[in-house]
C-alpha atoms as a PDB file:
ATOM      1  CA  UNK A   1       8.180  15.494 -31.927  1.00  0.00           C
ATOM      2  CA  UNK A   2       8.252  18.768 -30.019  1.00  0.00           C
ATOM      3  CA  UNK A   3       5.963  20.376 -32.620  1.00  0.00           C
ATOM      4  CA  UNK A   4       3.246  17.786 -32.167  1.00  0.00           C
ATOM      5  CA  UNK A   5       0.224  18.836 -30.173  1.00  0.00           C
ATOM      6  CA  UNK A   6      -0.664  16.921 -27.045  1.00  0.00           C
ATOM      7  CA  UNK A   7      -4.329  15.973 -27.029  1.00  0.00           C
ATOM      8  CA  UNK A   8      -5.904  15.406 -23.602  1.00  0.00           C
ATOM      9  CA  UNK A   9      -9.271  13.649 -23.508  1.00  0.00           C
ATOM     10  CA  UNK A  10     -11.605  12.014 -21.024  1.00  0.00           C
ATOM     11  CA  UNK A  11     -11.442   8.220 -20.917  1.00  0.00           C
ATOM     12  CA  UNK A  12     -14.611   6.147 -21.300  1.00  0.00           C
ATOM     13  CA  UNK A  13     -15.406   2.496 -20.639  1.00  0.00           C
ATOM     14  CA  UNK A  14     -15.074   1.625 -24.335  1.00  0.00           C
ATOM     15  CA  UNK A  15     -11.484   2.962 -24.293  1.00  0.00           C
ATOM     16  CA  UNK A  16     -10.296   0.639 -21.531  1.00  0.00           C
ATOM     17  CA  UNK A  17      -8.350  -1.634 -23.890  1.00  0.00           C
ATOM     18  CA  UNK A  18      -6.271   1.323 -25.112  1.00  0.00           C
ATOM     19  CA  UNK A  19      -5.134   2.085 -21.562  1.00  0.00           C
ATOM     20  CA  UNK A  20      -3.706  -1.384 -20.831  1.00  0.00           C
ATOM     21  CA  UNK A  21      -0.032  -0.934 -20.065  1.00  0.00           C
ATOM     22  CA  UNK A  22      -0.605   2.742 -19.238  1.00  0.00           C
ATOM     23  CA  UNK A  23      -2.958   2.422 -16.262  1.00  0.00           C
ATOM     24  CA  UNK A  24      -2.616  -0.088 -13.434  1.00  0.00           C
ATOM     25  CA  UNK A  25      -4.807  -3.189 -13.967  1.00  0.00           C
ATOM     26  CA  UNK A  26      -7.213  -2.184 -11.184  1.00  0.00           C
ATOM     27  CA  UNK A  27      -7.751   1.226 -12.820  1.00  0.00           C
ATOM     28  CA  UNK A  28      -8.325  -0.377 -16.235  1.00  0.00           C
ATOM     29  CA  UNK A  29     -10.898  -2.709 -14.695  1.00  0.00           C
ATOM     30  CA  UNK A  30     -12.722   0.176 -12.988  1.00  0.00           C
ATOM     31  CA  UNK A  31     -12.794   2.024 -16.288  1.00  0.00           C
ATOM     32  CA  UNK A  32     -14.014  -1.045 -18.167  1.00  0.00           C
ATOM     33  CA  UNK A  33     -16.863  -1.524 -15.681  1.00  0.00           C
ATOM     34  CA  UNK A  34     -17.767   2.170 -15.992  1.00  0.00           C
ATOM     35  CA  UNK A  35     -17.281   2.679 -12.250  1.00  0.00           C
ATOM     36  CA  UNK A  36     -16.970   6.197 -10.741  1.00  0.00           C
ATOM     37  CA  UNK A  37     -13.543   7.293 -11.952  1.00  0.00           C
ATOM     38  CA  UNK A  38     -11.894  10.492 -13.127  1.00  0.00           C
ATOM     39  CA  UNK A  39      -9.597   9.464 -15.952  1.00  0.00           C
ATOM     40  CA  UNK A  40      -7.817  11.238 -18.790  1.00  0.00           C
ATOM     41  CA  UNK A  41      -5.653  10.031 -21.629  1.00  0.00           C
ATOM     42  CA  UNK A  42      -2.931  11.837 -23.578  1.00  0.00           C
ATOM     43  CA  UNK A  43      -2.379  11.259 -27.285  1.00  0.00           C
ATOM     44  CA  UNK A  44       0.145  12.276 -29.901  1.00  0.00           C
ATOM     45  CA  UNK A  45      -0.815  11.569 -33.513  1.00  0.00           C
ATOM     46  CA  UNK A  46      -3.817   9.563 -32.301  1.00  0.00           C
ATOM     47  CA  UNK A  47      -1.529   7.258 -30.276  1.00  0.00           C
ATOM     48  CA  UNK A  48      -2.378   7.085 -26.573  1.00  0.00           C
ATOM     49  CA  UNK A  49       0.944   7.622 -24.772  1.00  0.00           C
ATOM     50  CA  UNK A  50      -0.105   8.504 -21.224  1.00  0.00           C
ATOM     51  CA  UNK A  51      -2.986   8.343 -18.772  1.00  0.00           C
ATOM     52  CA  UNK A  52      -4.059   9.338 -15.285  1.00  0.00           C
ATOM     53  CA  UNK A  53      -6.936   7.965 -13.206  1.00  0.00           C
ATOM     54  CA  UNK A  54      -8.266   8.494  -9.721  1.00  0.00           C
ATOM     55  CA  UNK A  55     -11.292   8.773  -7.498  1.00  0.00           C
ATOM     56  CA  UNK A  56     -12.754  11.518  -5.303  1.00  0.00           C
ATOM     57  CA  UNK A  57     -14.442  11.163  -1.913  1.00  0.00           C
ATOM     58  CA  UNK A  58     -15.549  14.749  -1.266  1.00  0.00           C
ATOM     59  CA  UNK A  59     -12.304  15.790   0.445  1.00  0.00           C
ATOM     60  CA  UNK A  60      -9.511  14.064  -1.473  1.00  0.00           C
ATOM     61  CA  UNK A  61      -8.807  13.073  -5.042  1.00  0.00           C
ATOM     62  CA  UNK A  62      -6.673   9.925  -4.844  1.00  0.00           C
ATOM     63  CA  UNK A  63      -4.464   9.266  -7.840  1.00  0.00           C
ATOM     64  CA  UNK A  64      -4.775   5.553  -8.571  1.00  0.00           C
ATOM     65  CA  UNK A  65      -2.533   5.500 -11.605  1.00  0.00           C
ATOM     66  CA  UNK A  66      -0.322   7.967 -13.509  1.00  0.00           C
ATOM     67  CA  UNK A  67       1.927   6.899 -16.357  1.00  0.00           C
ATOM     68  CA  UNK A  68       3.598   8.248 -19.479  1.00  0.00           C
ATOM     69  CA  UNK A  69       5.290   5.912 -21.956  1.00  0.00           C
ATOM     70  CA  UNK A  70       9.110   6.167 -21.502  1.00  0.00           C
ATOM     71  CA  UNK A  71       9.604   7.190 -25.153  1.00  0.00           C
ATOM     72  CA  UNK A  72       7.411  10.260 -24.626  1.00  0.00           C
ATOM     73  CA  UNK A  73       8.628  11.533 -21.273  1.00  0.00           C
ATOM     74  CA  UNK A  74      10.043  15.051 -20.741  1.00  0.00           C
ATOM     75  CA  UNK A  75       7.581  16.359 -23.316  1.00  0.00           C
ATOM     76  CA  UNK A  76       5.187  17.952 -20.787  1.00  0.00           C
ATOM     77  CA  UNK A  77       2.662  15.130 -21.212  1.00  0.00           C
ATOM     78  CA  UNK A  78       2.535  14.330 -17.486  1.00  0.00           C
ATOM     79  CA  UNK A  79       2.097  18.039 -16.720  1.00  0.00           C
ATOM     80  CA  UNK A  80      -0.726  18.284 -19.266  1.00  0.00           C
ATOM     81  CA  UNK A  81      -2.515  15.303 -17.690  1.00  0.00           C
ATOM     82  CA  UNK A  82      -2.208  16.657 -14.161  1.00  0.00           C
ATOM     83  CA  UNK A  83      -3.253  20.156 -15.257  1.00  0.00           C
ATOM     84  CA  UNK A  84      -6.443  18.696 -16.727  1.00  0.00           C
ATOM     85  CA  UNK A  85      -7.231  16.933 -13.451  1.00  0.00           C
ATOM     86  CA  UNK A  86      -6.422  20.052 -11.435  1.00  0.00           C
ATOM     87  CA  UNK A  87      -8.680  22.202 -13.621  1.00  0.00           C
ATOM     88  CA  UNK A  88     -11.559  19.770 -13.081  1.00  0.00           C
ATOM     89  CA  UNK A  89     -11.021  19.703  -9.313  1.00  0.00           C
ATOM     90  CA  UNK A  90     -10.361  23.421  -8.779  1.00  0.00           C
ATOM     91  CA  UNK A  91     -13.960  24.382  -8.065  1.00  0.00           C
ATOM     92  CA  UNK A  92     -14.366  21.418  -5.719  1.00  0.00           C
ATOM     93  CA  UNK A  93     -11.463  22.462  -3.470  1.00  0.00           C
ATOM     94  CA  UNK A  94     -10.200  18.876  -3.179  1.00  0.00           C
ATOM     95  CA  UNK A  95      -6.766  17.863  -1.959  1.00  0.00           C
ATOM     96  CA  UNK A  96      -4.883  15.612  -4.382  1.00  0.00           C
ATOM     97  CA  UNK A  97      -3.133  12.600  -2.880  1.00  0.00           C
ATOM     98  CA  UNK A  98      -0.680  10.132  -4.344  1.00  0.00           C
ATOM     99  CA  UNK A  99       0.730   7.012  -2.723  1.00  0.00           C
ATOM    100  CA  UNK A 100       3.037   4.668  -4.589  1.00  0.00           C
ATOM    101  CA  UNK A 101       5.547   1.904  -4.108  1.00  0.00           C
ATOM    102  CA  UNK A 102       8.966   1.350  -5.648  1.00  0.00           C
ATOM    103  CA  UNK A 103       7.851  -1.810  -7.441  1.00  0.00           C
ATOM    104  CA  UNK A 104       9.693  -0.846 -10.609  1.00  0.00           C
ATOM    105  CA  UNK A 105      12.128   1.738 -11.913  1.00  0.00           C
ATOM    106  CA  UNK A 106       9.296   3.826 -13.422  1.00  0.00           C
ATOM    107  CA  UNK A 107       8.162   4.893  -9.969  1.00  0.00           C
ATOM    108  CA  UNK A 108      11.625   6.182  -9.063  1.00  0.00           C
ATOM    109  CA  UNK A 109      10.968   9.225 -11.292  1.00  0.00           C
ATOM    110  CA  UNK A 110       7.535   9.914  -9.814  1.00  0.00           C
ATOM    111  CA  UNK A 111       8.621  11.736  -6.620  1.00  0.00           C
ATOM    112  CA  UNK A 112      10.560  14.513  -8.464  1.00  0.00           C
ATOM    113  CA  UNK A 113       7.594  14.964 -10.823  1.00  0.00           C
ATOM    114  CA  UNK A 114       5.067  15.246  -7.991  1.00  0.00           C
ATOM    115  CA  UNK A 115       7.270  17.712  -6.115  1.00  0.00           C
ATOM    116  CA  UNK A 116       7.702  19.782  -9.291  1.00  0.00           C
ATOM    117  CA  UNK A 117       3.922  19.889  -9.631  1.00  0.00           C
ATOM    118  CA  UNK A 118       3.482  21.211  -6.091  1.00  0.00           C
ATOM    119  CA  UNK A 119       2.952  18.014  -4.086  1.00  0.00           C
ATOM    120  CA  UNK A 120       4.570  17.715  -0.659  1.00  0.00           C
ATOM    121  CA  UNK A 121       5.546  14.574   1.274  1.00  0.00           C
ATOM    122  CA  UNK A 122       2.814  13.483   3.681  1.00  0.00           C
ATOM    123  CA  UNK A 123       3.368  10.630   6.116  1.00  0.00           C
ATOM    124  CA  UNK A 124      -0.023  10.510   7.817  1.00  0.00           C
ATOM    125  CA  UNK A 125      -2.432   9.654   5.008  1.00  0.00           C
ATOM    126  CA  UNK A 126      -1.272   6.094   4.429  1.00  0.00           C
ATOM    127  CA  UNK A 127       1.094   3.678   6.139  1.00  0.00           C
ATOM    128  CA  UNK A 128       4.667   3.673   4.907  1.00  0.00           C
ATOM    129  CA  UNK A 129       5.814   0.266   3.650  1.00  0.00           C
ATOM    130  CA  UNK A 130       9.220  -1.256   4.244  1.00  0.00           C
ATOM    131  CA  UNK A 131      10.344  -4.392   2.438  1.00  0.00           C
ATOM    132  CA  UNK A 132      12.899  -7.102   3.138  1.00  0.00           C
ATOM    133  CA  UNK A 133      13.597 -10.604   1.910  1.00  0.00           C
ATOM    134  CA  UNK A 134      12.332 -13.456   4.035  1.00  0.00           C
ATOM    135  CA  UNK A 135      15.877 -14.783   4.451  1.00  0.00           C
ATOM    136  CA  UNK A 136      16.954 -11.418   5.904  1.00  0.00           C
ATOM    137  CA  UNK A 137      14.658 -11.504   8.914  1.00  0.00           C
ATOM    138  CA  UNK A 138      17.100 -11.098  11.807  1.00  0.00           C
ATOM    139  CA  UNK A 139      14.835 -11.418  14.815  1.00  0.00           C
ATOM    140  CA  UNK A 140      16.703 -10.987  18.097  1.00  0.00           C
ATOM    141  CA  UNK A 141      14.374 -13.322  19.948  1.00  0.00           C
ATOM    142  CA  UNK A 142      15.304 -16.977  19.767  1.00  0.00           C
ATOM    143  CA  UNK A 143      12.635 -19.520  18.932  1.00  0.00           C
ATOM    144  CA  UNK A 144      13.028 -20.999  22.418  1.00  0.00           C
ATOM    145  CA  UNK A 145      12.234 -17.599  23.976  1.00  0.00           C
ATOM    146  CA  UNK A 146       9.123 -17.226  21.804  1.00  0.00           C
ATOM    147  CA  UNK A 147       7.658 -20.289  23.540  1.00  0.00           C
ATOM    148  CA  UNK A 148       7.221 -18.154  26.671  1.00  0.00           C
ATOM    149  CA  UNK A 149       4.389 -16.355  24.874  1.00  0.00           C
ATOM    150  CA  UNK A 150       0.964 -17.881  24.239  1.00  0.00           C
ATOM    151  CA  UNK A 151       0.959 -17.593  20.456  1.00  0.00           C
ATOM    152  CA  UNK A 152      -1.551 -19.524  18.379  1.00  0.00           C
ATOM    153  CA  UNK A 153      -2.160 -19.845  14.669  1.00  0.00           C
ATOM    154  CA  UNK A 154      -5.288 -18.215  13.318  1.00  0.00           C
ATOM    155  CA  UNK A 155      -6.078 -21.532  11.614  1.00  0.00           C
ATOM    156  CA  UNK A 156      -6.834 -22.997  15.055  1.00  0.00           C
ATOM    157  CA  UNK A 157      -9.837 -20.695  15.395  1.00  0.00           C
ATOM    158  CA  UNK A 158     -13.253 -21.158  13.832  1.00  0.00           C
ATOM    159  CA  UNK A 159     -15.430 -18.315  12.542  1.00  0.00           C
ATOM    160  CA  UNK A 160     -17.144 -17.888  15.904  1.00  0.00           C
ATOM    161  CA  UNK A 161     -13.803 -17.474  17.695  1.00  0.00           C
ATOM    162  CA  UNK A 162     -12.664 -14.939  15.096  1.00  0.00           C
ATOM    163  CA  UNK A 163     -15.798 -12.882  15.756  1.00  0.00           C
ATOM    164  CA  UNK A 164     -15.162 -13.114  19.508  1.00  0.00           C
ATOM    165  CA  UNK A 165     -11.594 -11.858  18.958  1.00  0.00           C
ATOM    166  CA  UNK A 166     -12.904  -8.957  16.863  1.00  0.00           C
ATOM    167  CA  UNK A 167     -15.342  -8.020  19.635  1.00  0.00           C
ATOM    168  CA  UNK A 168     -12.527  -8.154  22.207  1.00  0.00           C
ATOM    169  CA  UNK A 169     -10.543  -5.720  20.061  1.00  0.00           C
ATOM    170  CA  UNK A 170     -13.495  -3.326  19.802  1.00  0.00           C
ATOM    171  CA  UNK A 171     -14.368  -3.510  23.510  1.00  0.00           C
ATOM    172  CA  UNK A 172     -10.740  -3.094  24.542  1.00  0.00           C
ATOM    173  CA  UNK A 173     -10.124  -0.129  22.261  1.00  0.00           C
ATOM    174  CA  UNK A 174      -7.662  -2.143  20.194  1.00  0.00           C
ATOM    175  CA  UNK A 175      -7.186  -1.509  16.461  1.00  0.00           C
ATOM    176  CA  UNK A 176      -9.257  -4.012  14.492  1.00  0.00           C
ATOM    177  CA  UNK A 177      -7.480  -5.134  11.321  1.00  0.00           C
ATOM    178  CA  UNK A 178      -9.259  -4.439   8.042  1.00  0.00           C
ATOM    179  CA  UNK A 179     -11.554  -7.358   7.287  1.00  0.00           C
ATOM    180  CA  UNK A 180     -11.423  -8.423  10.934  1.00  0.00           C
ATOM    181  CA  UNK A 181      -9.617 -11.750  11.190  1.00  0.00           C
ATOM    182  CA  UNK A 182     -11.245 -13.216   8.078  1.00  0.00           C
ATOM    183  CA  UNK A 183      -9.039 -11.784   5.319  1.00  0.00           C
ATOM    184  CA  UNK A 184      -5.689 -13.022   6.650  1.00  0.00           C
ATOM    185  CA  UNK A 185      -3.883 -16.213   5.633  1.00  0.00           C
ATOM    186  CA  UNK A 186      -5.065 -18.616   8.366  1.00  0.00           C
ATOM    187  CA  UNK A 187      -2.134 -20.982   8.017  1.00  0.00           C
ATOM    188  CA  UNK A 188       0.496 -18.295   8.638  1.00  0.00           C
ATOM    189  CA  UNK A 189      -1.111 -15.519  10.705  1.00  0.00           C
ATOM    190  CA  UNK A 190      -0.788 -15.679  14.493  1.00  0.00           C
ATOM    191  CA  UNK A 191      -2.564 -14.293  17.566  1.00  0.00           C
ATOM    192  CA  UNK A 192      -0.884 -13.635  20.922  1.00  0.00           C
ATOM    193  CA  UNK A 193      -2.827 -14.146  24.162  1.00  0.00           C
ATOM    194  CA  UNK A 194      -2.372 -13.094  27.784  1.00  0.00           C
ATOM    195  CA  UNK A 195      -4.676 -14.589  30.400  1.00  0.00           C
ATOM    196  CA  UNK A 196      -6.613 -16.122  27.500  1.00  0.00           C
ATOM    197  CA  UNK A 197      -7.389 -12.658  26.106  1.00  0.00           C
ATOM    198  CA  UNK A 198      -6.019 -11.321  22.827  1.00  0.00           C
ATOM    199  CA  UNK A 199      -2.958  -9.135  23.374  1.00  0.00           C
ATOM    200  CA  UNK A 200      -1.518  -8.908  19.896  1.00  0.00           C
ATOM    201  CA  UNK A 201      -1.540 -10.240  16.355  1.00  0.00           C
ATOM    202  CA  UNK A 202       0.651 -10.613  13.285  1.00  0.00           C
ATOM    203  CA  UNK A 203      -1.338 -11.146  10.113  1.00  0.00           C
ATOM    204  CA  UNK A 204      -0.065 -12.153   6.700  1.00  0.00           C
ATOM    205  CA  UNK A 205      -1.558 -12.155   3.238  1.00  0.00           C
ATOM    206  CA  UNK A 206       0.093 -13.773   0.227  1.00  0.00           C
ATOM    207  CA  UNK A 207      -0.100 -11.221  -2.595  1.00  0.00           C
ATOM    208  CA  UNK A 208       1.649 -13.092  -5.416  1.00  0.00           C
ATOM    209  CA  UNK A 209       4.598 -12.227  -7.661  1.00  0.00           C
ATOM    210  CA  UNK A 210       7.050 -13.337  -4.992  1.00  0.00           C
ATOM    211  CA  UNK A 211       5.707 -10.917  -2.381  1.00  0.00           C
ATOM    212  CA  UNK A 212       3.918 -11.426   0.934  1.00  0.00           C
ATOM    213  CA  UNK A 213       2.114  -8.610   2.709  1.00  0.00           C
ATOM    214  CA  UNK A 214       2.476  -8.548   6.498  1.00  0.00           C
ATOM    215  CA  UNK A 215      -0.844  -6.726   6.621  1.00  0.00           C
ATOM    216  CA  UNK A 216      -0.899  -5.958  10.358  1.00  0.00           C
ATOM    217  CA  UNK A 217       1.323  -6.442  13.384  1.00  0.00           C
ATOM    218  CA  UNK A 218       0.381  -5.073  16.773  1.00  0.00           C
ATOM    219  CA  UNK A 219       0.889  -5.561  20.532  1.00  0.00           C
ATOM    220  CA  UNK A 220      -1.376  -4.106  23.245  1.00  0.00           C
ATOM    221  CA  UNK A 221       1.645  -3.125  25.329  1.00  0.00           C
ATOM    222  CA  UNK A 222       3.996  -2.243  22.451  1.00  0.00           C
ATOM    223  CA  UNK A 223       6.160  -5.036  23.855  1.00  0.00           C
ATOM    224  CA  UNK A 224       8.958  -5.555  21.350  1.00  0.00           C
ATOM    225  CA  UNK A 225       9.579  -9.061  22.692  1.00  0.00           C
ATOM    226  CA  UNK A 226       5.958 -10.007  22.107  1.00  0.00           C
ATOM    227  CA  UNK A 227       6.116  -8.522  18.601  1.00  0.00           C
ATOM    228  CA  UNK A 228       9.345 -10.416  17.946  1.00  0.00           C
ATOM    229  CA  UNK A 229       7.824 -13.628  19.310  1.00  0.00           C
ATOM    230  CA  UNK A 230       4.884 -13.327  16.927  1.00  0.00           C
ATOM    231  CA  UNK A 231       7.163 -12.596  13.973  1.00  0.00           C
ATOM    232  CA  UNK A 232       9.402 -15.523  14.948  1.00  0.00           C
ATOM    233  CA  UNK A 233       6.472 -17.937  14.818  1.00  0.00           C
ATOM    234  CA  UNK A 234       4.993 -16.329  11.707  1.00  0.00           C
ATOM    235  CA  UNK A 235       8.314 -16.290   9.826  1.00  0.00           C
ATOM    236  CA  UNK A 236       8.902 -19.948  10.704  1.00  0.00           C
ATOM    237  CA  UNK A 237       5.677 -20.800   8.900  1.00  0.00           C
ATOM    238  CA  UNK A 238       6.465 -18.460   6.016  1.00  0.00           C
ATOM    239  CA  UNK A 239       9.770 -20.239   5.461  1.00  0.00           C
ATOM    240  CA  UNK A 240       7.905 -23.527   5.121  1.00  0.00           C
ATOM    241  CA  UNK A 241       5.698 -22.068   2.403  1.00  0.00           C
ATOM    242  CA  UNK A 242       7.852 -19.531   0.542  1.00  0.00           C
ATOM    243  CA  UNK A 243      11.503 -19.409  -0.678  1.00  0.00           C
ATOM    244  CA  UNK A 244      14.071 -17.231   1.087  1.00  0.00           C
ATOM    245  CA  UNK A 245      13.997 -14.665  -1.727  1.00  0.00           C
ATOM    246  CA  UNK A 246      10.339 -13.868  -1.082  1.00  0.00           C
ATOM    247  CA  UNK A 247       9.829 -10.161  -0.423  1.00  0.00           C
ATOM    248  CA  UNK A 248       7.950  -9.226   2.744  1.00  0.00           C
ATOM    249  CA  UNK A 249       6.126  -5.881   2.955  1.00  0.00           C
ATOM    250  CA  UNK A 250       5.635  -4.337   6.412  1.00  0.00           C
ATOM    251  CA  UNK A 251       3.174  -1.455   6.992  1.00  0.00           C
ATOM    252  CA  UNK A 252       4.539   1.215   9.345  1.00  0.00           C
ATOM    253  CA  UNK A 253       2.283   3.874  10.878  1.00  0.00           C
ATOM    254  CA  UNK A 254       4.604   5.662  13.324  1.00  0.00           C
ATOM    255  CA  UNK A 255       8.217   6.067  14.457  1.00  0.00           C
ATOM    256  CA  UNK A 256       7.913   3.365  17.130  1.00  0.00           C
ATOM    257  CA  UNK A 257       6.797   0.801  14.550  1.00  0.00           C
ATOM    258  CA  UNK A 258       9.584   1.864  12.203  1.00  0.00           C
ATOM    259  CA  UNK A 259      12.121   1.461  15.017  1.00  0.00           C
ATOM    260  CA  UNK A 260      10.905  -2.079  15.653  1.00  0.00           C
ATOM    261  CA  UNK A 261      11.071  -3.043  11.959  1.00  0.00           C
ATOM    262  CA  UNK A 262      14.605  -1.672  11.692  1.00  0.00           C
ATOM    263  CA  UNK A 263      15.620  -3.798  14.691  1.00  0.00           C
ATOM    264  CA  UNK A 264      13.822  -6.940  13.585  1.00  0.00           C
ATOM    265  CA  UNK A 265      14.705  -6.912   9.899  1.00  0.00           C
ATOM    266  CA  UNK A 266      18.136  -6.795   8.317  1.00  0.00           C
ATOM    267  CA  UNK A 267      18.504  -3.695   6.108  1.00  0.00           C
ATOM    268  CA  UNK A 268      14.808  -2.983   5.427  1.00  0.00           C
ATOM    269  CA  UNK A 269      14.126  -0.829   2.369  1.00  0.00           C
ATOM    270  CA  UNK A 270      11.544   1.937   2.375  1.00  0.00           C
ATOM    271  CA  UNK A 271       9.281   1.030  -0.527  1.00  0.00           C
ATOM    272  CA  UNK A 272       6.363   3.461  -0.442  1.00  0.00           C
ATOM    273  CA  UNK A 273       5.939   7.194  -0.499  1.00  0.00           C
ATOM    274  CA  UNK A 274       2.959   9.452   0.143  1.00  0.00           C
ATOM    275  CA  UNK A 275       2.344  12.903  -1.321  1.00  0.00           C
ATOM    276  CA  UNK A 276      -0.413  15.494  -0.965  1.00  0.00           C
ATOM    277  CA  UNK A 277      -1.242  18.791  -2.699  1.00  0.00           C
ATOM    278  CA  UNK A 278      -3.280  21.555  -1.091  1.00  0.00           C
ATOM    279  CA  UNK A 279      -6.050  22.807  -3.411  1.00  0.00           C
ATOM    280  CA  UNK A 280      -5.162  26.408  -2.479  1.00  0.00           C
ATOM    281  CA  UNK A 281      -1.637  26.557  -1.013  1.00  0.00           C
ATOM    282  CA  UNK A 282      -1.718  30.357  -0.658  1.00  0.00           C
ATOM    283  CA  UNK A 283      -4.488  30.232   1.981  1.00  0.00           C
END
């Protein structure tokens, strides 16, 4: 096997079927639809055994998917794929970024590979995700204490009210969640009010496969009790809809948010990692 030549080639839309199982489904779909994508495959004896795909925005090249079949690892195939991407990007001076989650054992080997190839950990480019099982939520605020806060379900609000809330966020300099308040699960997500004005929110999205994404949680005053109150109400509804073994994913953007998650959740597990590579590290 070591004498076989690795063939690296550009992937086209008509090759999408050959990349199933090698690229993430979203990357395969982008390739199939012939969307803007930089993608290469690796073959040994005409068998496609690895692939990499990503997109560029003028500053960064984001790796969407990188995979080598387990039977062909440690044969410099991953290095050959990344070298091809790097050669293409060299004249553009783009940073390469990679963000991934520990959804399976394959990703556990990715960090050492990225570091070997010159990537460095980078916390700022994406949120870090922590996961915990629904049954392990250990909120310190009792349900009776949560009643002291004016917390309402998003399902109580019509489209007009959601737009009003979004405007209040913008006018008050508050972070507006992606998609406003229209992409969250209405029946689970909650909004906290003070003096009838929005003061915080905890938004949830069901993402399938036994996982629920807590897509955003925020308080205007960074009040841990208010955050806990929102999570108490939200988790009560989650437990009505999902089994205790359901995995919750929490996005964390800074040390304060991480501190809160570690207090609110029993033994949270860091489940995502971010890496970046300077296009010219010697400068």
